[in-house]
Amino acid sequence: MWASEDEYIREQIAEHLPRFLVWLLARCDPERLCAGYTAGRLRLWSTPAPHGRVHVYESDAQ
């Protein structure tokens, strides 16, 4: 569970970055980061979870 779809995207990208570059994600615009992450190939959506969190799902955009 994540606080938002944005947090989910940042965690997914952070897995592929060296630790010393992870701080850059906090400086990225959330909408542009999402557009780059999905690249027109993924569809993201979320459903509410307890304590203000969300479950995030992704699938092929087609």
Protein backbone atom coordinates (compact mmCIF):
# COMPACT_ATOMS: atom_id res chain seq x y z
CA MET A 1 0.00 0.00 0.00
CA TRP A 2 1.14 3.49 -0.80
CA ALA A 3 0.15 7.01 0.16
CA SER A 4 -0.54 7.80 -3.51
CA GLU A 5 0.07 6.67 -7.08
CA ASP A 6 2.95 9.16 -7.13
CA GLU A 7 4.64 7.45 -4.20
CA TYR A 8 4.22 4.11 -5.97
CA ILE A 9 5.86 5.42 -9.15
CA ARG A 10 8.75 6.94 -7.22
CA GLU A 11 9.39 3.63 -5.41
CA GLN A 12 9.30 1.69 -8.68
CA ILE A 13 11.85 4.03 -10.28
CA ALA A 14 14.01 4.18 -7.15
CA GLU A 15 14.58 0.42 -7.40
CA HIS A 16 16.59 1.06 -10.57
CA LEU A 17 18.63 4.04 -9.39
CA PRO A 18 21.86 4.02 -7.43
CA ARG A 19 21.18 5.09 -3.84
CA PHE A 20 23.04 8.36 -4.25
CA LEU A 21 20.60 9.46 -6.99
CA VAL A 22 17.28 8.60 -5.32
CA TRP A 23 16.98 12.13 -3.92
CA LEU A 24 16.40 13.37 -7.49
CA LEU A 25 12.95 11.79 -7.53
CA ALA A 26 11.75 14.27 -4.90
CA ARG A 27 12.64 17.09 -7.31
CA CYS A 28 10.58 15.69 -10.22
CA ASP A 29 7.16 16.98 -11.24
CA PRO A 30 4.63 14.22 -10.37
CA GLU A 31 2.66 14.52 -13.63
CA ARG A 32 5.76 14.38 -15.82
CA LEU A 33 7.20 11.53 -13.79
CA CYS A 34 3.97 9.57 -14.27
CA ALA A 35 3.95 10.30 -18.01
CA GLY A 36 7.53 9.06 -18.29
CA TYR A 37 6.88 5.98 -16.17
CA THR A 38 3.79 4.88 -18.08
CA ALA A 39 5.15 6.04 -21.47
CA GLY A 40 1.76 5.40 -23.04
CA ARG A 41 2.23 1.67 -22.48
CA LEU A 42 0.92 1.30 -18.93
CA ARG A 43 -2.34 2.20 -17.27
CA LEU A 44 -2.26 3.00 -13.55
CA TRP A 45 -5.21 3.10 -11.20
CA SER A 46 -5.74 2.89 -7.47
CA THR A 47 -8.36 1.89 -4.95
CA PRO A 48 -8.72 3.14 -1.38
CA ALA A 49 -7.03 1.21 1.41
CA PRO A 50 -7.15 1.65 5.19
CA HIS A 51 -5.53 4.63 6.91
CA GLY A 52 -5.61 6.94 3.88
CA ARG A 53 -3.46 4.65 1.78
CA VAL A 54 -4.16 3.23 -1.68
CA HIS A 55 -3.62 -0.01 -3.54
CA VAL A 56 -1.98 0.74 -6.90
CA TYR A 57 -2.39 -1.44 -9.97
CA GLU A 58 -0.90 -1.30 -13.41
CA SER A 59 -1.76 -3.04 -16.66
CA ASP A 60 -1.07 -2.72 -20.38
CA ALA A 61 -2.64 0.42 -21.80
CA GLN A 62 -4.30 -1.50 -24.63
